[in-house]
Amino acid sequence: MALRLFLEHGYTGATVEAIAGAAGVSAATVYKSYGGKSALIRELCSRALAGEGAAPAEERSNALRASGDGREVAEGWGALAAEVSPRISPLLLLLRTAAASDADAAGLYDELDAARLARMADNARFLAGAGHLRPGLTAATARDVLWFCTSPEAYELLAVRRGWSAARFGRFVADTIAGTLLRDGA
């Protein structure tokens, strides 16, 4: 209910009262359960980032590291982007827009973006440490490419505005990672 209302009416337009009414509970129950709109969005983001699999997407991403094949890792990360981006990107874009006029939304957006950057830095360190990066590429460059590939803006431009399917977007992410970052035969 809350997700639909946020996406239909925006952060400001989706009031706690409207969300509570759609869920058949009181506004006090929403506040007591979540603490307000930004906490409710945080929960929706957490669920979106978990993905659809039995294990959370981050755990599945980490499990891909066991492969000695950099291309296999890139393929897996592309598949996870295809799964998670349609779920998280609309929420992040909603927060980005709301951040211009709402301090709580701005704080949450900044927090989630910083967490994504930290996650991509960890992934880049893995690629560097495993010897998968092209000669001359730094972990910092790899971090930035991974951060771009997982951005809500990249998803919005290609999937939302250009009409790409999630699968096509995931293929783009995998190919971008492999073609830009991985050494031959990695």
N, C-alpha and C. Protein backbone atom coordinates (compact mmCIF):
# COMPACT_ATOMS: atom_id res chain seq x y z
N MET A 1 0.82 -1.20 0.00
CA MET A 1 0.00 0.00 0.00
C MET A 1 0.86 1.26 0.00
N ALA A 2 1.80 1.33 0.96
CA ALA A 2 2.63 2.53 1.10
C ALA A 2 3.44 2.76 -0.16
N LEU A 3 4.02 1.70 -0.69
CA LEU A 3 4.84 1.84 -1.90
C LEU A 3 4.02 2.42 -3.04
N ARG A 4 2.84 1.87 -3.24
CA ARG A 4 1.97 2.36 -4.31
C ARG A 4 1.63 3.83 -4.11
N LEU A 5 1.29 4.21 -2.90
CA LEU A 5 0.95 5.60 -2.62
C LEU A 5 2.14 6.54 -2.82
N PHE A 6 3.30 6.12 -2.37
CA PHE A 6 4.50 6.95 -2.59
C PHE A 6 4.77 7.13 -4.09
N LEU A 7 4.68 6.05 -4.83
CA LEU A 7 4.99 6.14 -6.26
C LEU A 7 3.92 6.92 -7.03
N GLU A 8 2.68 6.83 -6.59
CA GLU A 8 1.60 7.56 -7.26
C GLU A 8 1.54 9.03 -6.89
N HIS A 9 1.84 9.35 -5.63
CA HIS A 9 1.62 10.71 -5.13
C HIS A 9 2.90 11.44 -4.71
N GLY A 10 4.02 10.76 -4.77
CA GLY A 10 5.26 11.38 -4.34
C GLY A 10 5.41 11.36 -2.84
N TYR A 11 6.57 11.78 -2.40
CA TYR A 11 6.88 11.75 -0.96
C TYR A 11 5.95 12.67 -0.18
N THR A 12 5.76 13.88 -0.67
CA THR A 12 4.92 14.86 0.03
C THR A 12 3.44 14.48 -0.05
N GLY A 13 3.02 14.02 -1.21
CA GLY A 13 1.60 13.71 -1.41
C GLY A 13 1.12 12.47 -0.71
N ALA A 14 2.01 11.56 -0.43
CA ALA A 14 1.63 10.33 0.28
C ALA A 14 1.73 10.60 1.78
N THR A 15 0.64 11.03 2.35
CA THR A 15 0.64 11.36 3.78
C THR A 15 0.57 10.08 4.62
N VAL A 16 1.01 10.18 5.84
CA VAL A 16 0.91 9.05 6.76
C VAL A 16 -0.55 8.67 6.94
N GLU A 17 -1.41 9.66 6.98
CA GLU A 17 -2.85 9.39 7.13
C GLU A 17 -3.39 8.60 5.95
N ALA A 18 -2.99 8.96 4.74
CA ALA A 18 -3.44 8.23 3.55
C ALA A 18 -2.89 6.81 3.54
N ILE A 19 -1.63 6.66 3.91
CA ILE A 19 -1.02 5.33 3.97
C ILE A 19 -1.72 4.47 5.01
N ALA A 20 -1.98 5.04 6.17
CA ALA A 20 -2.69 4.31 7.23
C ALA A 20 -4.08 3.92 6.78
N GLY A 21 -4.79 4.87 6.15
CA GLY A 21 -6.14 4.56 5.68
C GLY A 21 -6.15 3.44 4.66
N ALA A 22 -5.19 3.44 3.74
CA ALA A 22 -5.12 2.38 2.72
C ALA A 22 -4.80 1.03 3.34
N ALA A 23 -4.05 1.06 4.44
CA ALA A 23 -3.68 -0.19 5.12
C ALA A 23 -4.73 -0.63 6.14
N GLY A 24 -5.72 0.23 6.39
CA GLY A 24 -6.77 -0.11 7.34
C GLY A 24 -6.32 -0.01 8.79
N VAL A 25 -5.36 0.89 9.05
CA VAL A 25 -4.89 1.10 10.42
C VAL A 25 -4.92 2.59 10.70
N SER A 26 -4.65 2.95 11.94
CA SER A 26 -4.61 4.37 12.29
C SER A 26 -3.24 4.96 11.95
N ALA A 27 -3.21 6.27 11.80
CA ALA A 27 -1.93 6.96 11.58
C ALA A 27 -1.01 6.72 12.76
N ALA A 28 -1.57 6.66 13.96
CA ALA A 28 -0.76 6.40 15.15
C ALA A 28 -0.05 5.05 15.06
N THR A 29 -0.73 4.07 14.47
CA THR A 29 -0.11 2.75 14.30
C THR A 29 1.08 2.84 13.35
N VAL A 30 0.96 3.60 12.28
CA VAL A 30 2.07 3.77 11.35
C VAL A 30 3.23 4.44 12.05
N TYR A 31 2.95 5.52 12.77
CA TYR A 31 4.01 6.23 13.50
C TYR A 31 4.66 5.31 14.54
N LYS A 32 3.84 4.55 15.25
CA LYS A 32 4.36 3.66 16.28
C LYS A 32 5.20 2.54 15.66
N SER A 33 4.77 2.04 14.51
CA SER A 33 5.47 0.93 13.86
C SER A 33 6.72 1.36 13.11
N TYR A 34 6.67 2.54 12.50
CA TYR A 34 7.77 2.96 11.63
C TYR A 34 8.41 4.29 12.04
N GLY A 35 7.71 5.13 12.75
CA GLY A 35 8.27 6.40 13.16
C GLY A 35 8.10 7.52 12.17
N GLY A 36 7.32 7.34 11.15
CA GLY A 36 7.08 8.40 10.19
C GLY A 36 7.44 8.01 8.77
N LYS A 37 7.30 8.98 7.88
CA LYS A 37 7.48 8.72 6.45
C LYS A 37 8.88 8.26 6.08
N SER A 38 9.90 8.95 6.59
CA SER A 38 11.26 8.58 6.17
C SER A 38 11.62 7.18 6.67
N ALA A 39 11.15 6.82 7.86
CA ALA A 39 11.40 5.47 8.36
C ALA A 39 10.63 4.43 7.55
N LEU A 40 9.45 4.77 7.12
CA LEU A 40 8.67 3.88 6.27
C LEU A 40 9.36 3.68 4.92
N ILE A 41 9.87 4.76 4.34
CA ILE A 41 10.62 4.66 3.08
C ILE A 41 11.88 3.82 3.30
N ARG A 42 12.54 4.02 4.44
CA ARG A 42 13.74 3.22 4.75
C ARG A 42 13.40 1.73 4.71
N GLU A 43 12.29 1.35 5.31
CA GLU A 43 11.86 -0.05 5.32
C GLU A 43 11.57 -0.53 3.90
N LEU A 44 10.90 0.28 3.11
CA LEU A 44 10.62 -0.09 1.72
C LEU A 44 11.92 -0.26 0.93
N CYS A 45 12.89 0.61 1.17
CA CYS A 45 14.19 0.51 0.51
C CYS A 45 14.92 -0.76 0.93
N SER A 46 14.85 -1.07 2.20
CA SER A 46 15.50 -2.29 2.70
C SER A 46 14.91 -3.52 2.03
N ARG A 47 13.61 -3.55 1.91
CA ARG A 47 12.95 -4.68 1.23
C ARG A 47 13.33 -4.73 -0.24
N ALA A 48 13.38 -3.57 -0.88
CA ALA A 48 13.73 -3.51 -2.30
C ALA A 48 15.16 -4.01 -2.52
N LEU A 49 16.07 -3.59 -1.65
CA LEU A 49 17.47 -3.99 -1.79
C LEU A 49 17.69 -5.47 -1.52
N ALA A 50 16.79 -6.08 -0.78
CA ALA A 50 16.91 -7.51 -0.50
C ALA A 50 16.68 -8.33 -1.76
N GLY A 51 15.91 -7.78 -2.70
CA GLY A 51 15.62 -8.50 -3.93
C GLY A 51 14.53 -9.52 -3.75
N GLU A 52 14.48 -10.44 -4.68
CA GLU A 52 13.40 -11.42 -4.72
C GLU A 52 13.83 -12.83 -4.33
N GLY A 53 15.11 -13.05 -4.18
CA GLY A 53 15.61 -14.40 -3.90
C GLY A 53 15.41 -14.82 -2.47
N ALA A 54 15.71 -16.08 -2.21
CA ALA A 54 15.58 -16.61 -0.86
C ALA A 54 16.57 -15.95 0.09
N ALA A 55 17.75 -15.64 -0.41
CA ALA A 55 18.76 -14.91 0.37
C ALA A 55 18.77 -13.47 -0.10
N PRO A 56 19.09 -12.53 0.78
CA PRO A 56 19.17 -11.12 0.35
C PRO A 56 20.18 -10.93 -0.78
N ALA A 57 19.91 -9.98 -1.64
CA ALA A 57 20.74 -9.73 -2.82
C ALA A 57 22.20 -9.49 -2.44
N GLU A 58 22.44 -8.78 -1.35
CA GLU A 58 23.83 -8.51 -0.94
C GLU A 58 24.56 -9.81 -0.63
N GLU A 59 23.90 -10.74 0.04
CA GLU A 59 24.52 -12.05 0.32
C GLU A 59 24.80 -12.80 -0.97
N ARG A 60 23.87 -12.74 -1.90
CA ARG A 60 24.08 -13.42 -3.18
C ARG A 60 25.21 -12.76 -3.96
N SER A 61 25.32 -11.43 -3.85
CA SER A 61 26.43 -10.72 -4.49
C SER A 61 27.76 -11.18 -3.90
N ASN A 62 27.83 -11.28 -2.59
CA ASN A 62 29.06 -11.74 -1.93
C ASN A 62 29.39 -13.16 -2.33
N ALA A 63 28.39 -14.01 -2.46
CA ALA A 63 28.62 -15.41 -2.82
C ALA A 63 29.24 -15.52 -4.21
N LEU A 64 28.94 -14.58 -5.09
CA LEU A 64 29.52 -14.60 -6.44
C LEU A 64 31.03 -14.49 -6.41
N ARG A 65 31.56 -13.90 -5.37
CA ARG A 65 33.00 -13.70 -5.25
C ARG A 65 33.76 -15.02 -5.17
N ALA A 66 33.08 -16.09 -4.80
CA ALA A 66 33.75 -17.39 -4.69
C ALA A 66 34.21 -17.90 -6.06
N SER A 67 33.59 -17.39 -7.11
CA SER A 67 34.00 -17.78 -8.45
C SER A 67 35.36 -17.19 -8.77
N GLY A 68 36.19 -17.95 -9.40
CA GLY A 68 37.49 -17.43 -9.82
C GLY A 68 37.43 -16.70 -11.15
N ASP A 69 36.24 -16.61 -11.71
CA ASP A 69 36.04 -16.05 -13.04
C ASP A 69 35.40 -14.66 -12.92
N GLY A 70 36.16 -13.62 -13.27
CA GLY A 70 35.66 -12.25 -13.17
C GLY A 70 34.44 -12.02 -14.03
N ARG A 71 34.40 -12.64 -15.21
CA ARG A 71 33.23 -12.47 -16.09
C ARG A 71 31.99 -13.06 -15.44
N GLU A 72 32.15 -14.18 -14.76
CA GLU A 72 31.01 -14.80 -14.05
C GLU A 72 30.50 -13.87 -12.95
N VAL A 73 31.42 -13.23 -12.25
CA VAL A 73 31.03 -12.27 -11.21
C VAL A 73 30.27 -11.11 -11.84
N ALA A 74 30.78 -10.56 -12.94
CA ALA A 74 30.11 -9.45 -13.64
C ALA A 74 28.72 -9.87 -14.11
N GLU A 75 28.60 -11.08 -14.64
CA GLU A 75 27.29 -11.59 -15.08
C GLU A 75 26.32 -11.65 -13.91
N GLY A 76 26.80 -12.14 -12.77
CA GLY A 76 25.95 -12.23 -11.59
C GLY A 76 25.54 -10.87 -11.08
N TRP A 77 26.48 -9.93 -11.08
CA TRP A 77 26.14 -8.58 -10.65
C TRP A 77 25.15 -7.94 -11.61
N GLY A 78 25.26 -8.22 -12.89
CA GLY A 78 24.28 -7.72 -13.86
C GLY A 78 22.89 -8.29 -13.60
N ALA A 79 22.84 -9.59 -13.30
CA ALA A 79 21.55 -10.23 -13.00
C ALA A 79 20.94 -9.63 -11.73
N LEU A 80 21.77 -9.36 -10.73
CA LEU A 80 21.25 -8.74 -9.51
C LEU A 80 20.77 -7.31 -9.79
N ALA A 81 21.46 -6.59 -10.65
CA ALA A 81 21.01 -5.24 -11.02
C ALA A 81 19.65 -5.30 -11.71
N ALA A 82 19.47 -6.30 -12.57
CA ALA A 82 18.17 -6.47 -13.25
C ALA A 82 17.06 -6.78 -12.26
N GLU A 83 17.40 -7.47 -11.20
CA GLU A 83 16.42 -7.83 -10.18
C GLU A 83 16.11 -6.68 -9.23
N VAL A 84 17.14 -5.99 -8.77
CA VAL A 84 16.98 -5.01 -7.70
C VAL A 84 16.67 -3.61 -8.23
N SER A 85 17.25 -3.21 -9.34
CA SER A 85 17.06 -1.84 -9.84
C SER A 85 15.60 -1.44 -10.04
N PRO A 86 14.76 -2.29 -10.63
CA PRO A 86 13.36 -1.87 -10.77
C PRO A 86 12.65 -1.67 -9.44
N ARG A 87 13.16 -2.28 -8.39
CA ARG A 87 12.54 -2.18 -7.07
C ARG A 87 13.05 -0.96 -6.30
N ILE A 88 14.38 -0.71 -6.36
CA ILE A 88 14.96 0.35 -5.53
C ILE A 88 15.02 1.69 -6.25
N SER A 89 15.25 1.69 -7.53
CA SER A 89 15.45 2.97 -8.24
C SER A 89 14.28 3.93 -8.11
N PRO A 90 13.03 3.48 -8.26
CA PRO A 90 11.93 4.45 -8.09
C PRO A 90 11.91 5.08 -6.69
N LEU A 91 12.26 4.31 -5.68
CA LEU A 91 12.29 4.85 -4.32
C LEU A 91 13.42 5.86 -4.14
N LEU A 92 14.59 5.55 -4.68
CA LEU A 92 15.71 6.48 -4.57
C LEU A 92 15.45 7.76 -5.35
N LEU A 93 14.83 7.64 -6.51
CA LEU A 93 14.49 8.84 -7.29
C LEU A 93 13.44 9.67 -6.57
N LEU A 94 12.50 9.01 -5.91
CA LEU A 94 11.50 9.70 -5.11
C LEU A 94 12.17 10.47 -3.97
N LEU A 95 13.10 9.82 -3.29
CA LEU A 95 13.83 10.48 -2.21
C LEU A 95 14.68 11.63 -2.73
N ARG A 96 15.31 11.44 -3.87
CA ARG A 96 16.14 12.51 -4.44
C ARG A 96 15.31 13.75 -4.70
N THR A 97 14.13 13.57 -5.25
CA THR A 97 13.24 14.70 -5.52
C THR A 97 12.77 15.34 -4.21
N ALA A 98 12.38 14.51 -3.25
CA ALA A 98 11.90 15.02 -1.97
C ALA A 98 12.99 15.71 -1.17
N ALA A 99 14.23 15.33 -1.41
CA ALA A 99 15.36 15.89 -0.66
C ALA A 99 15.47 17.40 -0.82
N ALA A 100 14.96 17.93 -1.92
CA ALA A 100 15.04 19.37 -2.16
C ALA A 100 14.25 20.17 -1.13
N SER A 101 13.22 19.55 -0.55
CA SER A 101 12.37 20.30 0.38
C SER A 101 12.14 19.61 1.72
N ASP A 102 12.71 18.43 1.92
CA ASP A 102 12.47 17.69 3.17
C ASP A 102 13.80 17.19 3.72
N ALA A 103 14.16 17.65 4.91
CA ALA A 103 15.45 17.30 5.50
C ALA A 103 15.55 15.81 5.81
N ASP A 104 14.46 15.18 6.25
CA ASP A 104 14.50 13.75 6.53
C ASP A 104 14.75 12.95 5.26
N ALA A 105 14.07 13.32 4.18
CA ALA A 105 14.28 12.64 2.90
C ALA A 105 15.70 12.86 2.41
N ALA A 106 16.22 14.07 2.57
CA ALA A 106 17.59 14.37 2.14
C ALA A 106 18.59 13.53 2.92
N GLY A 107 18.38 13.43 4.21
CA GLY A 107 19.29 12.63 5.03
C GLY A 107 19.26 11.16 4.66
N LEU A 108 18.07 10.63 4.43
CA LEU A 108 17.96 9.23 4.05
C LEU A 108 18.56 8.98 2.67
N TYR A 109 18.30 9.88 1.73
CA TYR A 109 18.88 9.74 0.39
C TYR A 109 20.40 9.73 0.47
N ASP A 110 20.97 10.67 1.21
CA ASP A 110 22.42 10.75 1.35
C ASP A 110 22.98 9.48 2.01
N GLU A 111 22.29 9.00 3.01
CA GLU A 111 22.72 7.77 3.70
C GLU A 111 22.72 6.57 2.77
N LEU A 112 21.64 6.41 2.01
CA LEU A 112 21.54 5.28 1.09
C LEU A 112 22.56 5.38 -0.03
N ASP A 113 22.79 6.59 -0.52
CA ASP A 113 23.78 6.78 -1.59
C ASP A 113 25.18 6.49 -1.07
N ALA A 114 25.48 6.93 0.14
CA ALA A 114 26.79 6.65 0.74
C ALA A 114 26.97 5.14 0.97
N ALA A 115 25.91 4.47 1.36
CA ALA A 115 25.99 3.02 1.57
C ALA A 115 26.23 2.30 0.24
N ARG A 116 25.60 2.77 -0.82
CA ARG A 116 25.81 2.18 -2.15
C ARG A 116 27.25 2.40 -2.58
N LEU A 117 27.77 3.60 -2.37
CA LEU A 117 29.16 3.89 -2.73
C LEU A 117 30.12 3.00 -1.94
N ALA A 118 29.86 2.82 -0.65
CA ALA A 118 30.71 1.96 0.17
C ALA A 118 30.65 0.52 -0.31
N ARG A 119 29.46 0.08 -0.69
CA ARG A 119 29.30 -1.29 -1.21
C ARG A 119 30.08 -1.46 -2.51
N MET A 120 30.01 -0.47 -3.38
CA MET A 120 30.73 -0.55 -4.65
C MET A 120 32.24 -0.46 -4.43
N ALA A 121 32.67 0.28 -3.42
CA ALA A 121 34.09 0.32 -3.08
C ALA A 121 34.56 -1.06 -2.62
N ASP A 122 33.74 -1.74 -1.85
CA ASP A 122 34.07 -3.09 -1.40
C ASP A 122 34.14 -4.04 -2.60
N ASN A 123 33.19 -3.93 -3.51
CA ASN A 123 33.22 -4.77 -4.71
C ASN A 123 34.46 -4.47 -5.55
N ALA A 124 34.82 -3.21 -5.66
CA ALA A 124 36.01 -2.82 -6.44
C ALA A 124 37.28 -3.37 -5.79
N ARG A 125 37.36 -3.31 -4.47
CA ARG A 125 38.52 -3.87 -3.77
C ARG A 125 38.61 -5.37 -4.02
N PHE A 126 37.46 -6.04 -4.05
CA PHE A 126 37.45 -7.46 -4.37
C PHE A 126 38.02 -7.69 -5.77
N LEU A 127 37.53 -6.95 -6.77
CA LEU A 127 38.02 -7.13 -8.14
C LEU A 127 39.52 -6.88 -8.22
N ALA A 128 39.98 -5.84 -7.55
CA ALA A 128 41.42 -5.53 -7.56
C ALA A 128 42.22 -6.63 -6.87
N GLY A 129 41.75 -7.04 -5.70
CA GLY A 129 42.47 -8.06 -4.93
C GLY A 129 42.52 -9.41 -5.61
N ALA A 130 41.48 -9.72 -6.37
CA ALA A 130 41.42 -11.01 -7.08
C ALA A 130 42.17 -10.95 -8.41
N GLY A 131 42.72 -9.79 -8.75
CA GLY A 131 43.46 -9.66 -10.01
C GLY A 131 42.58 -9.57 -11.24
N HIS A 132 41.33 -9.16 -11.06
CA HIS A 132 40.40 -9.10 -12.19
C HIS A 132 40.45 -7.78 -12.96
N LEU A 133 41.00 -6.72 -12.37
CA LEU A 133 40.97 -5.41 -13.04
C LEU A 133 41.99 -5.34 -14.18
N ARG A 134 41.61 -4.58 -15.20
CA ARG A 134 42.54 -4.31 -16.31
C ARG A 134 43.80 -3.65 -15.77
N PRO A 135 44.93 -3.89 -16.39
CA PRO A 135 46.16 -3.22 -15.96
C PRO A 135 45.98 -1.70 -16.00
N GLY A 136 46.45 -1.05 -14.97
CA GLY A 136 46.38 0.40 -14.89
C GLY A 136 45.11 0.95 -14.26
N LEU A 137 44.09 0.13 -14.12
CA LEU A 137 42.86 0.59 -13.47
C LEU A 137 43.02 0.51 -11.95
N THR A 138 42.53 1.52 -11.30
CA THR A 138 42.58 1.54 -9.85
C THR A 138 41.25 1.06 -9.27
N ALA A 139 41.30 0.68 -8.02
CA ALA A 139 40.06 0.31 -7.33
C ALA A 139 39.12 1.51 -7.26
N ALA A 140 39.67 2.72 -7.17
CA ALA A 140 38.82 3.92 -7.13
C ALA A 140 38.06 4.10 -8.44
N THR A 141 38.70 3.86 -9.56
CA THR A 141 38.01 3.94 -10.85
C THR A 141 36.95 2.85 -10.95
N ALA A 142 37.31 1.64 -10.53
CA ALA A 142 36.34 0.54 -10.56
C ALA A 142 35.14 0.86 -9.68
N ARG A 143 35.40 1.42 -8.50
CA ARG A 143 34.31 1.82 -7.60
C ARG A 143 33.35 2.77 -8.31
N ASP A 144 33.91 3.77 -8.99
CA ASP A 144 33.07 4.77 -9.64
C ASP A 144 32.25 4.17 -10.79
N VAL A 145 32.83 3.25 -11.55
CA VAL A 145 32.08 2.59 -12.63
C VAL A 145 30.96 1.75 -12.04
N LEU A 146 31.26 0.99 -11.00
CA LEU A 146 30.23 0.18 -10.35
C LEU A 146 29.14 1.06 -9.74
N TRP A 147 29.54 2.17 -9.15
CA TRP A 147 28.58 3.10 -8.56
C TRP A 147 27.66 3.67 -9.63
N PHE A 148 28.22 4.04 -10.79
CA PHE A 148 27.40 4.52 -11.89
C PHE A 148 26.43 3.44 -12.36
N CYS A 149 26.93 2.23 -12.55
CA CYS A 149 26.09 1.14 -13.07
C CYS A 149 24.91 0.82 -12.16
N THR A 150 25.07 1.07 -10.87
CA THR A 150 23.99 0.76 -9.91
C THR A 150 23.18 1.99 -9.54
N SER A 151 23.40 3.09 -10.24
CA SER A 151 22.70 4.33 -9.88
C SER A 151 21.24 4.29 -10.33
N PRO A 152 20.37 4.91 -9.55
CA PRO A 152 18.98 5.00 -9.99
C PRO A 152 18.85 5.83 -11.26
N GLU A 153 19.78 6.76 -11.46
CA GLU A 153 19.73 7.60 -12.66
C GLU A 153 20.01 6.77 -13.92
N ALA A 154 20.97 5.84 -13.86
CA ALA A 154 21.25 4.98 -15.02
C ALA A 154 20.03 4.13 -15.33
N TYR A 155 19.42 3.56 -14.30
CA TYR A 155 18.22 2.76 -14.52
C TYR A 155 17.10 3.62 -15.10
N GLU A 156 16.92 4.81 -14.54
CA GLU A 156 15.85 5.69 -15.03
C GLU A 156 16.06 6.03 -16.51
N LEU A 157 17.28 6.40 -16.87
CA LEU A 157 17.54 6.79 -18.26
C LEU A 157 17.30 5.65 -19.23
N LEU A 158 17.79 4.47 -18.91
CA LEU A 158 17.71 3.37 -19.87
C LEU A 158 16.40 2.59 -19.78
N ALA A 159 15.96 2.25 -18.59
CA ALA A 159 14.76 1.42 -18.46
C ALA A 159 13.48 2.24 -18.50
N VAL A 160 13.46 3.33 -17.75
CA VAL A 160 12.23 4.11 -17.68
C VAL A 160 12.07 4.99 -18.91
N ARG A 161 13.08 5.78 -19.22
CA ARG A 161 12.95 6.75 -20.30
C ARG A 161 13.14 6.15 -21.68
N ARG A 162 14.03 5.16 -21.82
CA ARG A 162 14.26 4.55 -23.13
C ARG A 162 13.51 3.24 -23.30
N GLY A 163 12.87 2.75 -22.25
CA GLY A 163 12.02 1.57 -22.36
C GLY A 163 12.74 0.24 -22.35
N TRP A 164 13.98 0.22 -21.89
CA TRP A 164 14.69 -1.06 -21.82
C TRP A 164 14.04 -1.96 -20.77
N SER A 165 14.05 -3.24 -21.02
CA SER A 165 13.58 -4.19 -20.01
C SER A 165 14.62 -4.28 -18.90
N ALA A 166 14.21 -4.80 -17.77
CA ALA A 166 15.15 -5.00 -16.67
C ALA A 166 16.25 -5.95 -17.09
N ALA A 167 15.91 -6.97 -17.86
CA ALA A 167 16.92 -7.92 -18.34
C ALA A 167 17.94 -7.23 -19.24
N ARG A 168 17.49 -6.38 -20.12
CA ARG A 168 18.41 -5.66 -20.99
C ARG A 168 19.30 -4.72 -20.17
N PHE A 169 18.72 -4.07 -19.18
CA PHE A 169 19.52 -3.22 -18.29
C PHE A 169 20.58 -4.05 -17.57
N GLY A 170 20.20 -5.20 -17.05
CA GLY A 170 21.15 -6.08 -16.37
C GLY A 170 22.27 -6.52 -17.30
N ARG A 171 21.94 -6.81 -18.54
CA ARG A 171 22.94 -7.18 -19.54
C ARG A 171 23.91 -6.02 -19.76
N PHE A 172 23.37 -4.79 -19.84
CA PHE A 172 24.21 -3.60 -20.00
C PHE A 172 25.17 -3.47 -18.82
N VAL A 173 24.66 -3.67 -17.61
CA VAL A 173 25.50 -3.56 -16.41
C VAL A 173 26.62 -4.59 -16.47
N ALA A 174 26.28 -5.85 -16.77
CA ALA A 174 27.30 -6.91 -16.85
C ALA A 174 28.34 -6.59 -17.92
N ASP A 175 27.86 -6.17 -19.10
CA ASP A 175 28.79 -5.87 -20.20
C ASP A 175 29.65 -4.65 -19.89
N THR A 176 29.08 -3.66 -19.22
CA THR A 176 29.84 -2.46 -18.86
C THR A 176 30.93 -2.81 -17.84
N ILE A 177 30.57 -3.59 -16.85
CA ILE A 177 31.56 -4.02 -15.85
C ILE A 177 32.67 -4.81 -16.54
N ALA A 178 32.28 -5.80 -17.33
CA ALA A 178 33.28 -6.66 -17.97
C ALA A 178 34.13 -5.88 -18.96
N GLY A 179 33.49 -5.09 -19.81
CA GLY A 179 34.23 -4.39 -20.86
C GLY A 179 35.07 -3.24 -20.37
N THR A 180 34.65 -2.60 -19.31
CA THR A 180 35.37 -1.44 -18.79
C THR A 180 36.40 -1.81 -17.74
N LEU A 181 36.10 -2.78 -16.92
CA LEU A 181 36.93 -3.05 -15.75
C LEU A 181 37.79 -4.31 -15.82
N LEU A 182 37.29 -5.34 -16.45
CA LEU A 182 37.97 -6.64 -16.33
C LEU A 182 39.10 -6.81 -17.34
N ARG A 183 40.20 -7.39 -16.87
CA ARG A 183 41.29 -7.71 -17.78
C ARG A 183 40.86 -8.87 -18.65
N ASP A 184 41.49 -9.03 -19.77
CA ASP A 184 41.18 -10.14 -20.67
C ASP A 184 41.42 -11.46 -19.95
N GLY A 185 40.45 -12.34 -20.06
CA GLY A 185 40.56 -13.64 -19.42
C GLY A 185 40.29 -13.63 -17.93
N ALA A 186 39.79 -12.52 -17.40
CA ALA A 186 39.56 -12.45 -15.94
C ALA A 186 38.35 -13.26 -15.53
